[in-house]
C-alpha atoms as a PDB file:
ATOM      1  CA  MET A   1     -39.162 -16.140  35.563  1.00  0.00           C
ATOM      2  CA  VAL A   2     -38.723 -13.580  32.389  1.00  0.00           C
ATOM      3  CA  LYS A   3     -35.249 -12.310  31.106  1.00  0.00           C
ATOM      4  CA  LEU A   4     -34.165  -9.693  28.798  1.00  0.00           C
ATOM      5  CA  ARG A   5     -31.808 -11.329  26.594  1.00  0.00           C
ATOM      6  CA  LEU A   6     -30.083 -11.785  23.427  1.00  0.00           C
ATOM      7  CA  ARG A   7     -30.984 -14.440  20.761  1.00  0.00           C
ATOM      8  CA  ARG A   8     -28.124 -15.209  18.178  1.00  0.00           C
ATOM      9  CA  GLN A   9     -28.823 -14.584  14.439  1.00  0.00           C
ATOM     10  CA  GLY A  10     -26.636 -13.978  11.284  1.00  0.00           C
ATOM     11  CA  ARG A  11     -24.270 -16.744  10.072  1.00  0.00           C
ATOM     12  CA  LYS A  12     -20.745 -17.598  11.592  1.00  0.00           C
ATOM     13  CA  GLY A  13     -18.376 -14.713  12.044  1.00  0.00           C
ATOM     14  CA  LYS A  14     -20.840 -12.426  11.711  1.00  0.00           C
ATOM     15  CA  PRO A  15     -23.515 -12.535  14.646  1.00  0.00           C
ATOM     16  CA  PHE A  16     -26.252 -10.676  14.904  1.00  0.00           C
ATOM     17  CA  TYR A  17     -28.921 -10.415  18.015  1.00  0.00           C
ATOM     18  CA  TYR A  18     -32.385 -10.288  18.828  1.00  0.00           C
ATOM     19  CA  ILE A  19     -33.501  -8.562  22.426  1.00  0.00           C
ATOM     20  CA  VAL A  20     -36.169 -10.875  23.558  1.00  0.00           C
ATOM     21  CA  ALA A  21     -38.078 -11.468  27.013  1.00  0.00           C
ATOM     22  CA  ALA A  22     -38.217 -15.495  27.388  1.00  0.00           C
ATOM     23  CA  ASP A  23     -38.631 -17.872  29.900  1.00  0.00           C
ATOM     24  CA  ALA A  24     -35.115 -18.152  31.964  1.00  0.00           C
ATOM     25  CA  ARG A  25     -36.112 -21.930  31.622  1.00  0.00           C
ATOM     26  CA  ALA A  26     -35.965 -22.146  27.926  1.00  0.00           C
ATOM     27  CA  PRO A  27     -32.444 -22.258  25.783  1.00  0.00           C
ATOM     28  CA  ARG A  28     -30.646 -19.211  24.856  1.00  0.00           C
ATOM     29  CA  ASP A  29     -31.491 -19.442  20.793  1.00  0.00           C
ATOM     30  CA  GLY A  30     -35.287 -21.140  21.704  1.00  0.00           C
ATOM     31  CA  ARG A  31     -38.775 -19.782  21.955  1.00  0.00           C
ATOM     32  CA  PHE A  32     -39.340 -16.415  23.349  1.00  0.00           C
ATOM     33  CA  ILE A  33     -42.367 -14.650  24.690  1.00  0.00           C
ATOM     34  CA  GLU A  34     -41.599 -11.215  22.935  1.00  0.00           C
ATOM     35  CA  ARG A  35     -38.870  -9.640  20.977  1.00  0.00           C
ATOM     36  CA  ILE A  36     -38.363  -6.146  21.992  1.00  0.00           C
ATOM     37  CA  GLY A  37     -34.825  -5.139  19.888  1.00  0.00           C
ATOM     38  CA  SER A  38     -31.921  -6.047  18.054  1.00  0.00           C
ATOM     39  CA  TYR A  39     -28.372  -5.493  18.614  1.00  0.00           C
ATOM     40  CA  ASN A  40     -25.773  -5.589  15.908  1.00  0.00           C
ATOM     41  CA  PRO A  41     -21.812  -5.729  16.584  1.00  0.00           C
ATOM     42  CA  ASN A  42     -20.693  -5.343  13.421  1.00  0.00           C
ATOM     43  CA  THR A  43     -20.452  -1.840  12.954  1.00  0.00           C
ATOM     44  CA  ASN A  44     -18.597   0.970  14.842  1.00  0.00           C
ATOM     45  CA  PRO A  45     -20.555   1.972  16.996  1.00  0.00           C
ATOM     46  CA  ALA A  46     -22.953  -0.797  17.516  1.00  0.00           C
ATOM     47  CA  THR A  47     -26.115  -0.710  15.954  1.00  0.00           C
ATOM     48  CA  ILE A  48     -29.267  -1.194  18.450  1.00  0.00           C
ATOM     49  CA  ASP A  49     -32.673  -0.715  17.718  1.00  0.00           C
ATOM     50  CA  LEU A  50     -34.849  -0.823  20.989  1.00  0.00           C
ATOM     51  CA  ASN A  51     -38.934  -0.391  21.597  1.00  0.00           C
ATOM     52  CA  LEU A  52     -37.575   1.719  25.186  1.00  0.00           C
ATOM     53  CA  GLU A  53     -41.170   1.323  25.933  1.00  0.00           C
ATOM     54  CA  ASP A  54     -41.832  -2.561  26.051  1.00  0.00           C
ATOM     55  CA  ALA A  55     -38.463  -2.591  27.717  1.00  0.00           C
ATOM     56  CA  VAL A  56     -39.067  -0.380  30.800  1.00  0.00           C
ATOM     57  CA  ARG A  57     -42.854  -2.384  30.500  1.00  0.00           C
ATOM     58  CA  TRP A  58     -40.977  -5.629  30.782  1.00  0.00           C
ATOM     59  CA  LEU A  59     -38.460  -4.141  33.633  1.00  0.00           C
ATOM     60  CA  GLY A  60     -41.141  -2.907  35.538  1.00  0.00           C
ATOM     61  CA  ASN A  61     -43.137  -6.482  35.474  1.00  0.00           C
ATOM     62  CA  GLY A  62     -40.055  -7.485  37.183  1.00  0.00           C
ATOM     63  CA  ALA A  63     -38.334  -9.582  34.582  1.00  0.00           C
ATOM     64  CA  VAL A  64     -34.547  -9.374  34.871  1.00  0.00           C
ATOM     65  CA  PRO A  65     -31.602  -8.747  32.086  1.00  0.00           C
ATOM     66  CA  THR A  66     -28.871 -11.065  31.470  1.00  0.00           C
ATOM     67  CA  ASP A  67     -25.166  -9.193  31.753  1.00  0.00           C
ATOM     68  CA  THR A  68     -24.807  -8.035  28.138  1.00  0.00           C
ATOM     69  CA  CYS A  69     -28.587  -7.285  27.917  1.00  0.00           C
ATOM     70  CA  ARG A  70     -28.274  -4.553  31.413  1.00  0.00           C
ATOM     71  CA  ALA A  71     -25.449  -3.368  29.508  1.00  0.00           C
ATOM     72  CA  ILE A  72     -27.548  -2.356  26.237  1.00  0.00           C
ATOM     73  CA  LEU A  73     -30.686  -1.039  27.792  1.00  0.00           C
ATOM     74  CA  SER A  74     -27.858   1.261  30.202  1.00  0.00           C
ATOM     75  CA  TYR A  75     -26.520   2.642  26.910  1.00  0.00           C
ATOM     76  CA  LYS A  76     -30.548   3.518  25.772  1.00  0.00           C
ATOM     77  CA  GLY A  77     -31.195   5.088  28.474  1.00  0.00           C
ATOM     78  CA  ALA A  78     -34.524   1.803  29.897  1.00  0.00           C
ATOM     79  CA  LEU A  79     -32.523   1.391  33.327  1.00  0.00           C
ATOM     80  CA  TYR A  80     -32.545   4.988  33.702  1.00  0.00           C
ATOM     81  CA  LYS A  81     -36.459   5.891  32.537  1.00  0.00           C
ATOM     82  CA  HIS A  82     -37.246   2.922  34.951  1.00  0.00           C
ATOM     83  CA  HIS A  83     -35.955   4.435  37.610  1.00  0.00           C
ATOM     84  CA  LEU A  84     -37.299   7.632  37.187  1.00  0.00           C
ATOM     85  CA  ASN A  85     -40.292   6.033  36.813  1.00  0.00           C
ATOM     86  CA  LYS A  86     -39.643   4.596  40.560  1.00  0.00           C
ATOM     87  CA  GLY A  87     -39.205   7.383  41.336  1.00  0.00           C
ATOM     88  CA  VAL A  88     -42.481   9.050  40.208  1.00  0.00           C
ATOM     89  CA  THR A  89     -44.321   5.735  41.410  1.00  0.00           C
ATOM     90  CA  LYS A  90     -42.767   6.486  45.367  1.00  0.00           C
ATOM     91  CA  GLY A  91     -44.153   9.976  45.114  1.00  0.00           C
ATOM     92  CA  ALA A  92     -40.391  11.753  44.516  1.00  0.00           C
ATOM     93  CA  LEU A  93     -40.515  13.645  41.628  1.00  0.00           C
ATOM     94  CA  THR A  94     -44.090  13.857  39.300  1.00  0.00           C
ATOM     95  CA  GLN A  95     -44.037  12.699  35.691  1.00  0.00           C
ATOM     96  CA  ASP A  96     -43.273  16.484  34.177  1.00  0.00           C
ATOM     97  CA  GLN A  97     -39.788  16.149  36.427  1.00  0.00           C
ATOM     98  CA  ALA A  98     -39.049  12.963  35.039  1.00  0.00           C
ATOM     99  CA  ASP A  99     -39.797  13.447  31.516  1.00  0.00           C
ATOM    100  CA  SER A 100     -37.683  16.188  31.244  1.00  0.00           C
ATOM    101  CA  LYS A 101     -34.728  14.657  33.197  1.00  0.00           C
ATOM    102  CA  PHE A 102     -35.256  11.861  31.012  1.00  0.00           C
ATOM    103  CA  ALA A 103     -35.444  14.295  27.882  1.00  0.00           C
ATOM    104  CA  ALA A 104     -31.851  16.220  29.456  1.00  0.00           C
ATOM    105  CA  TRP A 105     -30.552  12.689  29.777  1.00  0.00           C
ATOM    106  CA  LEU A 106     -31.521  11.627  26.174  1.00  0.00           C
ATOM    107  CA  GLU A 107     -29.595  14.795  24.769  1.00  0.00           C
ATOM    108  CA  GLU A 108     -26.357  14.659  26.106  1.00  0.00           C
ATOM    109  CA  LYS A 109     -26.582  10.751  25.296  1.00  0.00           C
ATOM    110  CA  ALA A 110     -26.998  11.724  21.843  1.00  0.00           C
ATOM    111  CA  GLY A 111     -24.068  14.505  22.063  1.00  0.00           C
ATOM    112  CA  LYS A 112     -21.599  11.977  23.031  1.00  0.00           C
ATOM    113  CA  VAL A 113     -23.127  10.050  20.405  1.00  0.00           C
ATOM    114  CA  ALA A 114     -21.713  12.387  17.703  1.00  0.00           C
ATOM    115  CA  ALA A 115     -18.729  13.158  19.061  1.00  0.00           C
ATOM    116  CA  LYS A 116     -17.656   9.462  18.907  1.00  0.00           C
ATOM    117  CA  ALA A 117     -19.109   8.866  15.328  1.00  0.00           C
ATOM    118  CA  ASP A 118     -16.593  12.324  14.555  1.00  0.00           C
ATOM    119  CA  GLY A 119     -14.297  10.903  16.196  1.00  0.00           C
ATOM    120  CA  LEU A 120     -13.936   7.299  14.018  1.00  0.00           C
ATOM    121  CA  SER A 121     -14.454  10.030  11.534  1.00  0.00           C
ATOM    122  CA  LYS A 122     -11.526  11.447  11.573  1.00  0.00           C
ATOM    123  CA  SER A 123      -9.598   8.710  12.549  1.00  0.00           C
ATOM    124  CA  ALA A 124     -10.172   7.034   9.172  1.00  0.00           C
ATOM    125  CA  ALA A 125      -9.649   9.633   7.654  1.00  0.00           C
ATOM    126  CA  GLU A 126      -6.167  10.347   8.855  1.00  0.00           C
ATOM    127  CA  ALA A 127      -5.367   6.476   8.227  1.00  0.00           C
ATOM    128  CA  ALA A 128      -5.932   6.886   5.071  1.00  0.00           C
ATOM    129  CA  GLU A 129      -4.311   9.506   4.272  1.00  0.00           C
ATOM    130  CA  ALA A 130      -1.484   7.734   6.022  1.00  0.00           C
ATOM    131  CA  ALA A 131      -1.441   5.062   4.335  1.00  0.00           C
ATOM    132  CA  PHE A 132      -1.394   6.965   1.156  1.00  0.00           C
ATOM    133  CA  LYS A 133       1.772   9.090   1.855  1.00  0.00           C
ATOM    134  CA  LYS A 134       3.135   5.260   3.121  1.00  0.00           C
ATOM    135  CA  GLU A 135       2.025   4.167  -0.415  1.00  0.00           C
ATOM    136  CA  GLN A 136       3.417   6.999  -2.106  1.00  0.00           C
ATOM    137  CA  GLU A 137       7.415   6.386  -0.079  1.00  0.00           C
ATOM    138  CA  VAL A 138       7.161   2.829  -0.994  1.00  0.00           C
ATOM    139  CA  ARG A 139       6.423   4.176  -4.969  1.00  0.00           C
ATOM    140  CA  ALA A 140       9.888   6.201  -4.837  1.00  0.00           C
ATOM    141  CA  ALA A 141      11.628   3.434  -3.365  1.00  0.00           C
ATOM    142  CA  ARG A 142      10.640   0.984  -5.635  1.00  0.00           C
ATOM    143  CA  GLU A 143      10.978   3.648  -8.145  1.00  0.00           C
ATOM    144  CA  LYS A 144      14.588   5.129  -7.026  1.00  0.00           C
ATOM    145  CA  ALA A 145      15.442   0.914  -7.019  1.00  0.00           C
ATOM    146  CA  ILE A 146      14.955   0.524 -10.544  1.00  0.00           C
ATOM    147  CA  ALA A 147      16.806   3.654 -11.154  1.00  0.00           C
ATOM    148  CA  GLU A 148      19.429   2.574  -9.661  1.00  0.00           C
ATOM    149  CA  LYS A 149      19.832  -0.857 -11.119  1.00  0.00           C
ATOM    150  CA  ASN A 150      19.112   0.343 -14.654  1.00  0.00           C
ATOM    151  CA  ALA A 151      22.257   3.105 -14.211  1.00  0.00           C
ATOM    152  CA  PRO A 152      25.426   0.374 -14.402  1.00  0.00           C
ATOM    153  CA  GLU A 153      24.298  -0.924 -17.901  1.00  0.00           C
ATOM    154  CA  GLU A 154      24.719   3.006 -19.375  1.00  0.00           C
ATOM    155  CA  VAL A 155      27.498   3.175 -17.067  1.00  0.00           C
ATOM    156  CA  VAL A 156      28.640   0.033 -19.156  1.00  0.00           C
ATOM    157  CA  ALA A 157      27.660   0.824 -22.686  1.00  0.00           C
ATOM    158  CA  ASP A 158      29.357   4.233 -21.874  1.00  0.00           C
ATOM    159  CA  ALA A 159      32.601   2.579 -21.292  1.00  0.00           C
ATOM    160  CA  GLU A 160      32.215  -0.067 -24.204  1.00  0.00           C
ATOM    161  CA  ALA A 161      31.647   2.694 -26.370  1.00  0.00           C
ATOM    162  CA  ALA A 162      34.682   4.617 -25.243  1.00  0.00           C
ATOM    163  CA  ALA A 163      36.664   1.432 -25.360  1.00  0.00           C
ATOM    164  CA  GLU A 164      35.532   0.897 -29.226  1.00  0.00           C
ATOM    165  CA  GLY A 165      36.623   4.487 -30.185  1.00  0.00           C
ATOM    166  CA  GLU A 166      40.316   3.922 -28.502  1.00  0.00           C
ATOM    167  CA  VAL A 167      40.814   0.766 -30.213  1.00  0.00           C
ATOM    168  CA  ALA A 168      39.723   3.053 -33.747  1.00  0.00           C
ATOM    169  CA  ASP A 169      42.569   5.543 -32.875  1.00  0.00           C
ATOM    170  CA  ALA A 170      44.921   2.620 -31.943  1.00  0.00           C
ATOM    171  CA  GLU A 171      44.172   0.860 -35.397  1.00  0.00           C
ATOM    172  CA  ALA A 172      44.130   4.187 -37.360  1.00  0.00           C
ATOM    173  CA  GLU A 173      47.361   5.081 -35.665  1.00  0.00           C
ATOM    174  CA  THR A 174      48.478   1.403 -36.889  1.00  0.00           C
ATOM    175  CA  THR A 175      47.413   2.489 -40.533  1.00  0.00           C
ATOM    176  CA  ASP A 176      49.317   5.138 -40.618  1.00  0.00           C
ATOM    177  CA  ALA A 177      52.330   4.073 -39.195  1.00  0.00           C
ATOM    178  CA  PRO A 178      53.686   1.646 -42.387  1.00  0.00           C
ATOM    179  CA  VAL A 179      53.443   4.469 -44.693  1.00  0.00           C
ATOM    180  CA  GLU A 180      56.332   6.307 -43.218  1.00  0.00           C
ATOM    181  CA  ALA A 181      58.475   3.604 -42.734  1.00  0.00           C
ATOM    182  CA  ALA A 182      58.029   2.567 -46.587  1.00  0.00           C
ATOM    183  CA  GLU A 183      58.937   6.101 -47.606  1.00  0.00           C
ATOM    184  CA  ALA A 184      62.436   5.579 -44.946  1.00  0.00           C
ATOM    185  CA  PRO A 185      63.975   3.466 -47.479  1.00  0.00           C
ATOM    186  CA  GLU A 186      63.252   5.583 -50.627  1.00  0.00           C
ATOM    187  CA  VAL A 187      65.453   8.574 -49.129  1.00  0.00           C
ATOM    188  CA  VAL A 188      68.262   5.755 -48.257  1.00  0.00           C
ATOM    189  CA  ALA A 189      68.755   4.376 -51.338  1.00  0.00           C
ATOM    190  CA  GLU A 190      68.941   7.939 -53.008  1.00  0.00           C
ATOM    191  CA  ALA A 191      72.119   8.569 -51.330  1.00  0.00           C
ATOM    192  CA  PRO A 192      74.097   6.161 -52.811  1.00  0.00           C
ATOM    193  CA  ALA A 193      73.125   7.737 -56.477  1.00  0.00           C
ATOM    194  CA  GLU A 194      74.275  11.326 -55.190  1.00  0.00           C
ATOM    195  CA  GLU A 195      77.687  10.048 -54.208  1.00  0.00           C
ATOM    196  CA  ALA A 196      78.543   8.431 -56.954  1.00  0.00           C
ATOM    197  CA  PRO A 197      79.484  11.361 -59.174  1.00  0.00           C
ATOM    198  CA  ALA A 198      81.890  12.458 -56.239  1.00  0.00           C
ATOM    199  CA  ALA A 199      83.876   8.900 -56.788  1.00  0.00           C
ATOM    200  CA  GLU A 200      84.210   9.466 -60.563  1.00  0.00           C
ATOM    201  CA  GLU A 201      85.753  12.858 -59.919  1.00  0.00           C
ATOM    202  CA  ALA A 202      88.034  11.468 -57.438  1.00  0.00           C
ATOM    203  CA  THR A 203      89.220   8.771 -60.361  1.00  0.00           C
ATOM    204  CA  GLU A 204      89.915  10.991 -62.692  1.00  0.00           C
ATOM    205  CA  GLU A 205      91.877  13.804 -61.152  1.00  0.00           C
ATOM    206  CA  LYS A 206      94.264  11.044 -60.219  1.00  0.00           C
ATOM    207  CA  ALA A 207      94.377   9.587 -63.863  1.00  0.00           C
END
């Protein structure tokens, strides 16, 4: 029996798969009959390259897809086209009708894929904007913390300058004080000299 399945390629942590038709008894990554596409899950949305006609042909020949491969074939429309081909074979609809239905399905699918891609782009832009705003907030908080850290140093410097000014004023007052004290004894020393004539006059009157 032939199975449609994935054959792993790529390196560790970055898997890449071939979509192959292989004998069911062959190992998963062993020999295969034909490669009909590739699947890269590392992108968003995932990148799928499928030869639609080959996939439909193998389905028509009785090949059975694995669960993962079935999901991929359904996403690309291979299962739907295979279903329409069965309807044509049974005479339920003409080939033109089948082709028209499939074209309409492809158009609708393309619209959904484009909408998803736009949504992802918008989400990425919003995430980038939010990250930028967050970075600005963190930077502002850091600058504020630095300003607050430097502020006390300026206050201390101002306090020291004020203290030095007060000390200088006190020294100036102390320097002026002895001069006034030195002048005071001169006034006291002159007082006896002024009283001396009065004493002499008193002596003369007694005489």
